[in-house]
């Protein structure tokens, strides 16, 4: 949780961002990014292999496997897995692949059982993944060792009640991956929030095209004039970049706006507030990018991640999730979707999300033309450039053809806890005091 001094510093920096007339002193000039990063099958394959196989990925919430024996199927990152609330109370993840002849162990999205049984030949596993039943055991060799034929595990850890998985057995622990975000997120009650809504929609664009629309506020006055713009002053936006590719955006409401009375992306009266949320979460838009594919504003009402899953080079599955404190007898809160009987799942994306996704397919089509040659980014879009640097770092420079790389110009001096803007702001304050004398 942020202390008072940190809150004061960040509030001052937001005001300083609004006054500056150029990028901060010493901030690197961002080279154009190669256009093919959005259109190259080769780069897409590298992302799938190195980024989505080695990162901690949002998988679900404890409400989806609430009791021992509950399980859920999950396949958003390629390999099908099953997440199991073990009879011993521990949550685990396994490849949803029987060790006999590769059939899935579970074939439905959710269920509850003290055993997992493959429907093909009835090989049976305990909820800790160990193999305990093989029909016609006599037909296998006497030394056939069941103890080494259990379901293959996938790394699985919790942050509060939120479940994350990682296909890399050598990955650092989740809390280390989160780094300073783990401390900053303490105030948002991850250990108490419930899953209120989770819906998926398919988009016809590269996953980065869809995600990057939520990683800058440069577009807010033009795309969201009636929805987000009343809440976010894009000129006073403050970006912070963290280790492991994560980032934070802080933006106050426009100076003429009283945020307490403009709730375009907050809850209506009656929904329970998270009482531990600090001043910035109550009064500003405080949004985080959790590398590689989660973006979420966090407030005193919600933890509502938007999660972007690549399904092909030019298609994305967007998950819209709302988590909140217990809403009692009121309707379950759903920040990102609205009822729509014409849709297959009975829901439609909310106006804000429709605004952000409306150009995705056209952008992707345009990007595939000869006219799309490179991407120049501004200081205000530095989170996007830093995100691409993190993609390359995780893939490994030696694995990326030179024409697809970004130059790693944003150095550690601009990554938390370092922030040269604070010193520049203080120098300008001091100079102003001297001038006033």
Protein backbone atom coordinates (compact mmCIF):
# COMPACT_ATOMS: atom_id res chain seq x y z
CA UNK A 1 0.00 0.00 0.00
CA UNK A 2 1.30 3.46 -0.86
CA UNK A 3 2.34 5.66 2.03
CA UNK A 4 1.37 9.34 2.31
CA UNK A 5 4.70 10.60 0.95
CA UNK A 6 4.38 8.47 -2.17
CA UNK A 7 0.81 9.63 -2.76
CA UNK A 8 1.93 13.25 -2.42
CA UNK A 9 4.80 12.71 -4.87
CA UNK A 10 2.57 11.05 -7.46
CA UNK A 11 -0.09 13.77 -7.20
CA UNK A 12 2.61 16.42 -7.71
CA UNK A 13 4.00 14.54 -10.71
CA UNK A 14 0.56 14.38 -12.33
CA UNK A 15 0.30 18.15 -12.06
CA UNK A 16 3.85 18.51 -13.37
CA UNK A 17 2.97 16.30 -16.38
CA UNK A 18 0.15 18.70 -17.16
CA UNK A 19 2.52 21.70 -17.16
CA UNK A 20 5.46 20.26 -19.11
CA UNK A 21 6.02 21.53 -22.67
CA UNK A 22 8.27 18.68 -23.84
CA UNK A 23 9.19 15.15 -22.80
CA UNK A 24 11.15 14.97 -19.53
CA UNK A 25 14.85 15.76 -19.59
CA UNK A 26 16.88 12.74 -20.58
CA UNK A 27 13.94 10.65 -21.70
CA UNK A 28 15.15 8.65 -24.71
CA UNK A 29 13.93 9.37 -28.20
CA UNK A 30 11.85 6.33 -29.12
CA UNK A 31 12.92 4.82 -32.46
CA UNK A 32 10.21 3.71 -34.84
CA UNK A 33 9.09 0.16 -34.13
CA UNK A 34 9.07 -2.32 -37.04
CA UNK A 35 5.60 -2.61 -38.54
CA UNK A 36 5.99 -6.36 -39.04
CA UNK A 37 5.76 -6.97 -35.29
CA UNK A 38 1.98 -6.86 -35.83
CA UNK A 39 1.85 -8.82 -39.09
CA UNK A 40 4.75 -11.30 -39.08
CA UNK A 41 3.90 -15.00 -38.56
CA UNK A 42 7.50 -15.48 -37.45
CA UNK A 43 7.27 -12.92 -34.66
CA UNK A 44 3.86 -14.23 -33.62
CA UNK A 45 5.30 -17.73 -33.25
CA UNK A 46 8.09 -16.34 -31.07
CA UNK A 47 5.54 -14.63 -28.83
CA UNK A 48 3.57 -17.84 -28.40
CA UNK A 49 6.67 -19.91 -27.68
CA UNK A 50 8.62 -17.60 -25.39
CA UNK A 51 6.18 -15.09 -23.90
CA UNK A 52 3.01 -17.07 -23.29
CA UNK A 53 4.93 -20.19 -22.27
CA UNK A 54 7.08 -18.40 -19.68
CA UNK A 55 4.85 -15.72 -18.12
CA UNK A 56 2.41 -15.90 -15.24
CA UNK A 57 -1.05 -15.84 -16.85
CA UNK A 58 -4.46 -15.10 -15.38
CA UNK A 59 -6.41 -18.36 -15.28
CA UNK A 60 -9.38 -17.84 -13.02
CA UNK A 61 -10.81 -17.17 -9.60
CA UNK A 62 -11.40 -19.38 -6.61
CA UNK A 63 -15.15 -18.90 -7.09
CA UNK A 64 -14.81 -21.10 -10.17
CA UNK A 65 -13.37 -23.98 -8.12
CA UNK A 66 -14.85 -23.10 -4.72
CA UNK A 67 -14.68 -26.46 -2.93
CA UNK A 68 -12.35 -29.45 -2.73
CA UNK A 69 -12.99 -31.67 -5.73
CA UNK A 70 -14.04 -28.79 -8.02
CA UNK A 71 -12.20 -28.46 -11.31
CA UNK A 72 -12.31 -26.23 -14.39
CA UNK A 73 -10.98 -26.63 -17.88
CA UNK A 74 -8.71 -23.87 -19.25
CA UNK A 75 -7.10 -23.52 -22.66
CA UNK A 76 -6.54 -19.83 -23.32
CA UNK A 77 -2.79 -20.18 -23.89
CA UNK A 78 -2.67 -23.18 -26.19
CA UNK A 79 -2.17 -26.39 -24.23
CA UNK A 80 -5.38 -27.56 -22.57
CA UNK A 81 -5.07 -27.72 -18.80
CA UNK A 82 -7.33 -28.52 -15.88
CA UNK A 83 -7.30 -26.48 -12.66
CA UNK A 84 -8.25 -28.54 -9.63
CA UNK A 85 -9.18 -27.65 -6.08
CA UNK A 86 -7.62 -30.69 -4.43
CA UNK A 87 -9.25 -32.76 -1.75
CA UNK A 88 -6.40 -31.52 0.46
CA UNK A 89 -7.49 -27.90 -0.14
CA UNK A 90 -4.62 -26.97 -2.45
CA UNK A 91 -5.27 -25.53 -5.92
CA UNK A 92 -3.22 -27.18 -8.67
CA UNK A 93 -3.06 -27.17 -12.46
CA UNK A 94 -2.30 -30.09 -14.76
CA UNK A 95 -2.08 -30.69 -18.47
CA UNK A 96 -5.51 -32.03 -19.42
CA UNK A 97 -3.86 -35.03 -21.06
CA UNK A 98 -4.11 -38.61 -19.86
CA UNK A 99 -0.71 -40.29 -19.52
CA UNK A 100 -2.01 -43.35 -21.38
CA UNK A 101 -2.90 -42.34 -24.94
CA UNK A 102 -3.36 -38.61 -24.67
CA UNK A 103 -7.11 -38.29 -24.30
CA UNK A 104 -8.40 -35.39 -22.19
CA UNK A 105 -9.01 -36.20 -18.56
CA UNK A 106 -11.97 -33.81 -18.38
CA UNK A 107 -14.23 -32.90 -21.30
CA UNK A 108 -16.56 -30.37 -19.69
CA UNK A 109 -15.80 -26.82 -18.60
CA UNK A 110 -16.51 -27.46 -14.91
CA UNK A 111 -17.24 -30.28 -12.56
CA UNK A 112 -16.71 -31.74 -9.13
CA UNK A 113 -15.30 -35.14 -8.22
CA UNK A 114 -12.87 -36.70 -5.79
CA UNK A 115 -11.18 -38.38 -8.77
CA UNK A 116 -10.39 -37.40 -12.36
CA UNK A 117 -11.12 -40.20 -14.80
CA UNK A 118 -10.20 -40.34 -18.47
CA UNK A 119 -13.29 -41.41 -20.39
CA UNK A 120 -11.30 -43.32 -23.00
CA UNK A 121 -9.92 -46.18 -20.87
CA UNK A 122 -10.88 -45.04 -17.36
CA UNK A 123 -7.38 -44.31 -16.12
CA UNK A 124 -8.08 -42.59 -12.82
CA UNK A 125 -6.18 -39.83 -11.01
CA UNK A 126 -6.47 -38.26 -7.57
CA UNK A 127 -6.93 -34.51 -7.35
CA UNK A 128 -3.20 -34.19 -6.60
CA UNK A 129 -2.54 -35.65 -10.07
CA UNK A 130 -1.29 -39.07 -8.97
CA UNK A 131 -2.39 -42.07 -10.99
CA UNK A 132 -4.35 -44.51 -8.81
CA UNK A 133 -6.37 -46.62 -11.21
CA UNK A 134 -5.50 -48.57 -14.38
CA UNK A 135 -8.12 -51.05 -15.65
CA UNK A 136 -6.82 -54.47 -16.62
CA UNK A 137 -3.64 -53.86 -14.70
CA UNK A 138 -2.58 -57.46 -15.41
CA UNK A 139 -1.98 -56.61 -19.07
CA UNK A 140 0.83 -54.19 -18.22
CA UNK A 141 4.34 -55.29 -17.16
CA UNK A 142 4.80 -56.11 -13.49
CA UNK A 143 7.25 -53.24 -13.11
CA UNK A 144 4.86 -50.70 -14.68
CA UNK A 145 5.23 -47.85 -12.18
CA UNK A 146 2.04 -45.86 -11.61
CA UNK A 147 3.91 -43.38 -9.40
CA UNK A 148 5.68 -41.84 -12.38
CA UNK A 149 2.58 -41.75 -14.61
CA UNK A 150 0.67 -38.99 -12.87
CA UNK A 151 -0.80 -36.00 -14.65
CA UNK A 152 1.91 -33.56 -15.71
CA UNK A 153 1.74 -30.44 -13.53
CA UNK A 154 1.62 -26.81 -14.62
CA UNK A 155 2.86 -24.14 -12.21
CA UNK A 156 -0.14 -22.70 -10.38
CA UNK A 157 -0.14 -19.99 -7.70
CA UNK A 158 -2.67 -17.63 -6.13
CA UNK A 159 -2.64 -13.91 -5.53
CA UNK A 160 -5.43 -13.59 -3.03
CA UNK A 161 -8.31 -15.45 -4.68
CA UNK A 162 -7.02 -14.98 -8.24
CA UNK A 163 -5.45 -18.01 -9.92
CA UNK A 164 -2.40 -17.73 -12.18
CA UNK A 165 -0.59 -20.42 -14.16
CA UNK A 166 2.81 -20.64 -15.82
CA UNK A 167 3.98 -23.34 -18.24
CA UNK A 168 7.63 -22.77 -17.30
CA UNK A 169 8.52 -25.06 -14.41
CA UNK A 170 11.57 -22.87 -13.70
CA UNK A 171 9.61 -19.62 -13.52
CA UNK A 172 10.16 -17.29 -10.59
CA UNK A 173 7.36 -17.31 -7.97
CA UNK A 174 4.27 -15.28 -8.81
CA UNK A 175 4.87 -12.73 -6.05
CA UNK A 176 8.37 -12.08 -7.43
CA UNK A 177 6.92 -11.73 -10.93
CA UNK A 178 4.48 -9.12 -9.65
CA UNK A 179 7.28 -7.30 -7.84
CA UNK A 180 6.14 -3.91 -6.48
CA UNK A 181 2.63 -4.49 -7.84
CA UNK A 182 2.06 -7.06 -5.08
CA UNK A 183 2.53 -4.32 -2.48
CA UNK A 184 0.49 -1.72 -4.37
CA UNK A 185 -2.36 -4.20 -4.89
CA UNK A 186 -2.76 -5.00 -1.20
CA UNK A 187 -5.30 -2.22 -0.80
CA UNK A 188 -7.61 -3.71 -3.46
CA UNK A 189 -8.62 -6.74 -1.38
CA UNK A 190 -7.58 -9.49 -3.79
CA UNK A 191 -8.08 -11.89 -0.88
CA UNK A 192 -11.75 -10.88 -0.50
CA UNK A 193 -13.06 -10.00 -3.96
CA UNK A 194 -15.49 -12.37 -5.66
CA UNK A 195 -15.84 -13.18 -9.34
CA UNK A 196 -18.90 -11.28 -10.54
CA UNK A 197 -18.66 -11.62 -14.33
CA UNK A 198 -16.44 -13.26 -16.95
CA UNK A 199 -17.27 -13.11 -20.66
CA UNK A 200 -15.23 -13.59 -23.84
CA UNK A 201 -15.46 -11.92 -27.25
CA UNK A 202 -13.54 -12.59 -30.43
CA UNK A 203 -11.78 -9.72 -32.22
CA UNK A 204 -10.35 -9.67 -35.73
CA UNK A 205 -6.98 -8.12 -35.00
CA UNK A 206 -3.58 -8.97 -33.58
CA UNK A 207 -3.65 -9.22 -29.79
CA UNK A 208 -1.26 -6.28 -29.41
CA UNK A 209 -3.48 -4.03 -31.53
CA UNK A 210 -6.37 -4.76 -29.18
CA UNK A 211 -4.35 -4.49 -25.99
CA UNK A 212 -2.44 -1.32 -26.83
CA UNK A 213 -5.70 0.60 -27.16
CA UNK A 214 -5.82 0.24 -23.36
CA UNK A 215 -2.19 1.20 -22.73
CA UNK A 216 -2.30 4.91 -23.53
CA UNK A 217 -4.68 7.83 -23.04
CA UNK A 218 -3.59 9.76 -26.13
CA UNK A 219 -6.76 8.50 -27.83
CA UNK A 220 -9.19 9.27 -24.98
CA UNK A 221 -10.42 12.73 -26.11
CA UNK A 222 -11.11 11.42 -29.62
CA UNK A 223 -12.52 7.91 -29.05
CA UNK A 224 -14.19 8.33 -25.64
CA UNK A 225 -15.52 11.93 -25.52
CA UNK A 226 -18.64 11.02 -23.54
CA UNK A 227 -17.46 7.98 -21.55
CA UNK A 228 -13.83 8.09 -20.39
CA UNK A 229 -12.90 11.71 -21.16
CA UNK A 230 -15.06 13.10 -18.29
CA UNK A 231 -13.00 10.92 -15.91
CA UNK A 232 -9.47 11.16 -17.29
CA UNK A 233 -7.32 14.21 -17.94
CA UNK A 234 -4.97 12.82 -20.58
CA UNK A 235 -2.64 15.82 -20.25
CA UNK A 236 -1.93 15.01 -16.60
CA UNK A 237 -1.45 11.30 -17.15
CA UNK A 238 1.53 9.77 -15.33
CA UNK A 239 3.04 6.51 -16.56
CA UNK A 240 5.32 4.33 -14.43
CA UNK A 241 7.23 1.34 -15.78
CA UNK A 242 8.09 -1.60 -13.55
CA UNK A 243 10.43 -4.60 -13.74
CA UNK A 244 9.20 -7.68 -15.66
CA UNK A 245 7.30 -5.57 -18.19
CA UNK A 246 4.50 -4.30 -15.93
CA UNK A 247 3.32 -0.68 -15.92
CA UNK A 248 0.93 1.72 -14.19
CA UNK A 249 -1.07 4.66 -15.42
CA UNK A 250 -2.36 7.34 -13.07
CA UNK A 251 -4.62 10.11 -14.31
CA UNK A 252 -6.80 12.54 -12.37
CA UNK A 253 -10.16 13.72 -13.66
CA UNK A 254 -10.28 16.98 -15.60
CA UNK A 255 -9.94 19.90 -13.23
CA UNK A 256 -13.50 21.06 -13.81
CA UNK A 257 -14.87 17.57 -13.02
CA UNK A 258 -15.84 16.23 -9.62
CA UNK A 259 -15.07 12.54 -9.99
CA UNK A 260 -17.36 11.65 -7.11
CA UNK A 261 -20.29 12.69 -9.31
CA UNK A 262 -19.09 11.28 -12.63
CA UNK A 263 -19.15 7.51 -12.50
CA UNK A 264 -19.06 6.41 -16.14
CA UNK A 265 -16.78 3.50 -15.32
CA UNK A 266 -17.58 3.05 -11.65
CA UNK A 267 -20.45 1.39 -9.85
CA UNK A 268 -23.96 2.71 -9.34
CA UNK A 269 -25.03 3.44 -5.76
CA UNK A 270 -25.51 0.41 -3.57
CA UNK A 271 -22.52 -1.67 -4.61
CA UNK A 272 -20.04 -2.26 -1.85
CA UNK A 273 -16.88 -0.18 -1.74
CA UNK A 274 -13.47 -1.67 -0.96
CA UNK A 275 -12.81 0.32 2.18
CA UNK A 276 -9.04 -0.23 2.15
CA UNK A 277 -8.50 1.53 -1.19
CA UNK A 278 -6.36 4.64 -0.84
CA UNK A 279 -6.78 8.17 -2.12
CA UNK A 280 -5.48 7.57 -5.66
CA UNK A 281 -7.72 4.57 -6.25
CA UNK A 282 -10.73 6.59 -5.07
CA UNK A 283 -10.05 9.82 -6.95
CA UNK A 284 -7.96 8.93 -10.03
CA UNK A 285 -7.97 6.39 -12.79
CA UNK A 286 -5.33 3.94 -11.59
CA UNK A 287 -4.72 1.33 -14.27
CA UNK A 288 -2.11 -1.43 -14.46
CA UNK A 289 -0.61 -3.46 -17.26
CA UNK A 290 0.36 -6.87 -15.94
CA UNK A 291 2.73 -8.34 -18.51
CA UNK A 292 2.01 -9.88 -20.89
CA UNK A 293 -1.75 -9.57 -21.49
CA UNK A 294 -3.71 -8.10 -18.55
CA UNK A 295 -4.83 -4.46 -18.34
CA UNK A 296 -7.02 -3.30 -15.48
CA UNK A 297 -8.16 -0.11 -13.82
CA UNK A 298 -8.38 -0.71 -10.07
CA UNK A 299 -10.77 1.34 -7.97
CA UNK A 300 -12.65 1.38 -4.69
CA UNK A 301 -15.39 -0.66 -6.37
CA UNK A 302 -13.79 -3.12 -8.76
CA UNK A 303 -10.86 -5.20 -9.94
CA UNK A 304 -11.93 -5.54 -13.60
CA UNK A 305 -9.17 -6.99 -15.82
CA UNK A 306 -9.29 -7.02 -19.60
CA UNK A 307 -7.25 -10.03 -20.72
CA UNK A 308 -6.07 -10.41 -24.32
CA UNK A 309 -5.44 -13.92 -25.68
CA UNK A 310 -3.88 -14.40 -29.13
CA UNK A 311 -5.83 -17.02 -31.08
CA UNK A 312 -4.01 -16.44 -34.37
CA UNK A 313 -1.81 -13.78 -35.94
CA UNK A 314 -4.88 -11.69 -36.77
CA UNK A 315 -7.44 -12.75 -34.15
CA UNK A 316 -7.77 -12.23 -30.40
CA UNK A 317 -10.03 -13.47 -27.66
CA UNK A 318 -10.82 -10.66 -25.25
CA UNK A 319 -11.87 -11.71 -21.76
CA UNK A 320 -13.84 -9.11 -19.81
CA UNK A 321 -13.78 -9.84 -16.10
CA UNK A 322 -15.36 -8.07 -13.12
CA UNK A 323 -14.31 -8.86 -9.56
CA UNK A 324 -15.78 -7.03 -6.58
CA UNK A 325 -16.67 -7.41 -2.93
CA UNK A 326 -19.76 -9.48 -2.16
CA UNK A 327 -22.81 -7.76 -3.66
CA UNK A 328 -25.34 -9.58 -1.49
CA UNK A 329 -28.82 -9.72 -2.99
CA UNK A 330 -28.11 -7.06 -5.63
CA UNK A 331 -27.47 -8.10 -9.24
CA UNK A 332 -23.89 -9.22 -9.78
CA UNK A 333 -21.83 -6.24 -11.00
CA UNK A 334 -20.56 -6.42 -14.56
CA UNK A 335 -18.45 -3.43 -15.52
CA UNK A 336 -17.62 -4.35 -19.10
CA UNK A 337 -20.71 -5.99 -20.66
CA UNK A 338 -24.44 -5.32 -21.00
CA UNK A 339 -27.38 -7.65 -21.76
CA UNK A 340 -27.98 -8.32 -25.46
CA UNK A 341 -30.30 -11.18 -26.41
CA UNK A 342 -29.01 -11.17 -30.00
CA UNK A 343 -25.56 -12.32 -28.93
CA UNK A 344 -24.66 -16.02 -28.46
CA UNK A 345 -23.82 -15.58 -24.78
CA UNK A 346 -26.55 -13.02 -24.16
CA UNK A 347 -24.06 -10.22 -23.53
CA UNK A 348 -22.52 -7.40 -25.54
CA UNK A 349 -19.45 -5.34 -24.83
CA UNK A 350 -20.14 -2.08 -23.00
CA UNK A 351 -19.91 1.24 -24.88
CA UNK A 352 -16.39 1.90 -23.57
CA UNK A 353 -15.08 -1.45 -24.82
CA UNK A 354 -16.91 -1.08 -28.13
CA UNK A 355 -15.22 2.30 -28.55
CA UNK A 356 -11.80 0.77 -27.90
CA UNK A 357 -12.32 -2.21 -30.22
CA UNK A 358 -14.28 -0.57 -33.04
CA UNK A 359 -11.27 0.03 -35.27
CA UNK A 360 -9.34 -3.19 -34.55
CA UNK A 361 -10.26 -5.10 -37.68
CA UNK A 362 -9.77 -2.07 -39.94
CA UNK A 363 -6.43 -1.29 -38.28
CA UNK A 364 -5.24 -4.87 -38.80
CA UNK A 365 -6.29 -4.78 -42.46
CA UNK A 366 -4.54 -1.45 -42.94
CA UNK A 367 -1.40 -2.70 -41.17
CA UNK A 368 -1.10 -5.48 -43.73
CA UNK A 369 -0.77 -2.99 -46.56
CA UNK A 370 2.52 -1.81 -48.03
CA UNK A 371 1.89 1.64 -46.56
CA UNK A 372 2.37 0.42 -42.98
CA UNK A 373 6.12 0.62 -42.55
CA UNK A 374 6.91 1.58 -38.97
CA UNK A 375 5.37 2.82 -35.72
CA UNK A 376 6.53 6.16 -34.23
CA UNK A 377 5.51 6.49 -30.59
CA UNK A 378 5.33 9.58 -28.40
CA UNK A 379 6.45 9.96 -24.79
CA UNK A 380 2.80 9.56 -23.79
CA UNK A 381 2.86 6.14 -25.49
CA UNK A 382 6.08 5.02 -23.78
CA UNK A 383 4.27 2.22 -21.95
CA UNK A 384 3.72 0.59 -25.33
CA UNK A 385 7.37 0.90 -26.30
CA UNK A 386 8.49 -0.50 -22.93
CA UNK A 387 6.02 -3.36 -23.40
CA UNK A 388 7.65 -4.22 -26.74
CA UNK A 389 11.09 -4.08 -25.15
CA UNK A 390 9.84 -6.60 -22.59
CA UNK A 391 8.50 -8.87 -25.34
CA UNK A 392 11.93 -8.91 -26.99
CA UNK A 393 13.73 -9.43 -23.72
CA UNK A 394 11.59 -12.46 -22.92
CA UNK A 395 11.94 -13.90 -26.41
CA UNK A 396 15.68 -13.30 -26.38
CA UNK A 397 17.39 -10.96 -28.84
CA UNK A 398 19.29 -13.80 -30.49
CA UNK A 399 15.99 -15.47 -31.39
CA UNK A 400 14.56 -12.40 -33.16
CA UNK A 401 15.51 -11.47 -36.73
CA UNK A 402 17.12 -8.05 -36.72
CA UNK A 403 14.41 -6.44 -38.84
CA UNK A 404 11.79 -7.36 -36.19
CA UNK A 405 13.58 -6.11 -33.06
CA UNK A 406 12.99 -2.91 -31.14
CA UNK A 407 15.96 -1.00 -29.80
CA UNK A 408 16.11 -1.25 -25.98
CA UNK A 409 16.45 2.50 -25.44
CA UNK A 410 14.38 2.73 -22.24
CA UNK A 411 16.99 1.84 -19.65
CA UNK A 412 16.79 0.87 -16.00
CA UNK A 413 17.07 4.54 -15.01
CA UNK A 414 13.45 4.92 -16.15
CA UNK A 415 12.21 1.71 -14.49
CA UNK A 416 10.76 1.71 -10.95
CA UNK A 417 12.01 2.57 -8.36
CA UNK A 418 13.97 5.05 -10.45
CA UNK A 419 12.13 8.10 -11.77
CA UNK A 420 14.19 11.05 -13.07
CA UNK A 421 11.03 13.13 -13.39
CA UNK A 422 10.93 13.64 -9.62
CA UNK A 423 14.34 15.31 -9.61
CA UNK A 424 13.44 17.46 -12.61
CA UNK A 425 10.22 18.56 -10.92
CA UNK A 426 12.11 19.50 -7.76
CA UNK A 427 14.70 21.48 -9.74
CA UNK A 428 11.95 23.41 -11.49
CA UNK A 429 10.22 24.07 -8.17
CA UNK A 430 13.48 25.35 -6.69
CA UNK A 431 14.12 27.55 -9.71
CA UNK A 432 10.61 28.94 -9.44
CA UNK A 433 11.10 29.80 -5.79
CA UNK A 434 14.36 31.55 -6.61
CA UNK A 435 12.69 33.54 -9.38
CA UNK A 436 9.86 34.51 -7.04
CA UNK A 437 12.39 35.96 -4.60
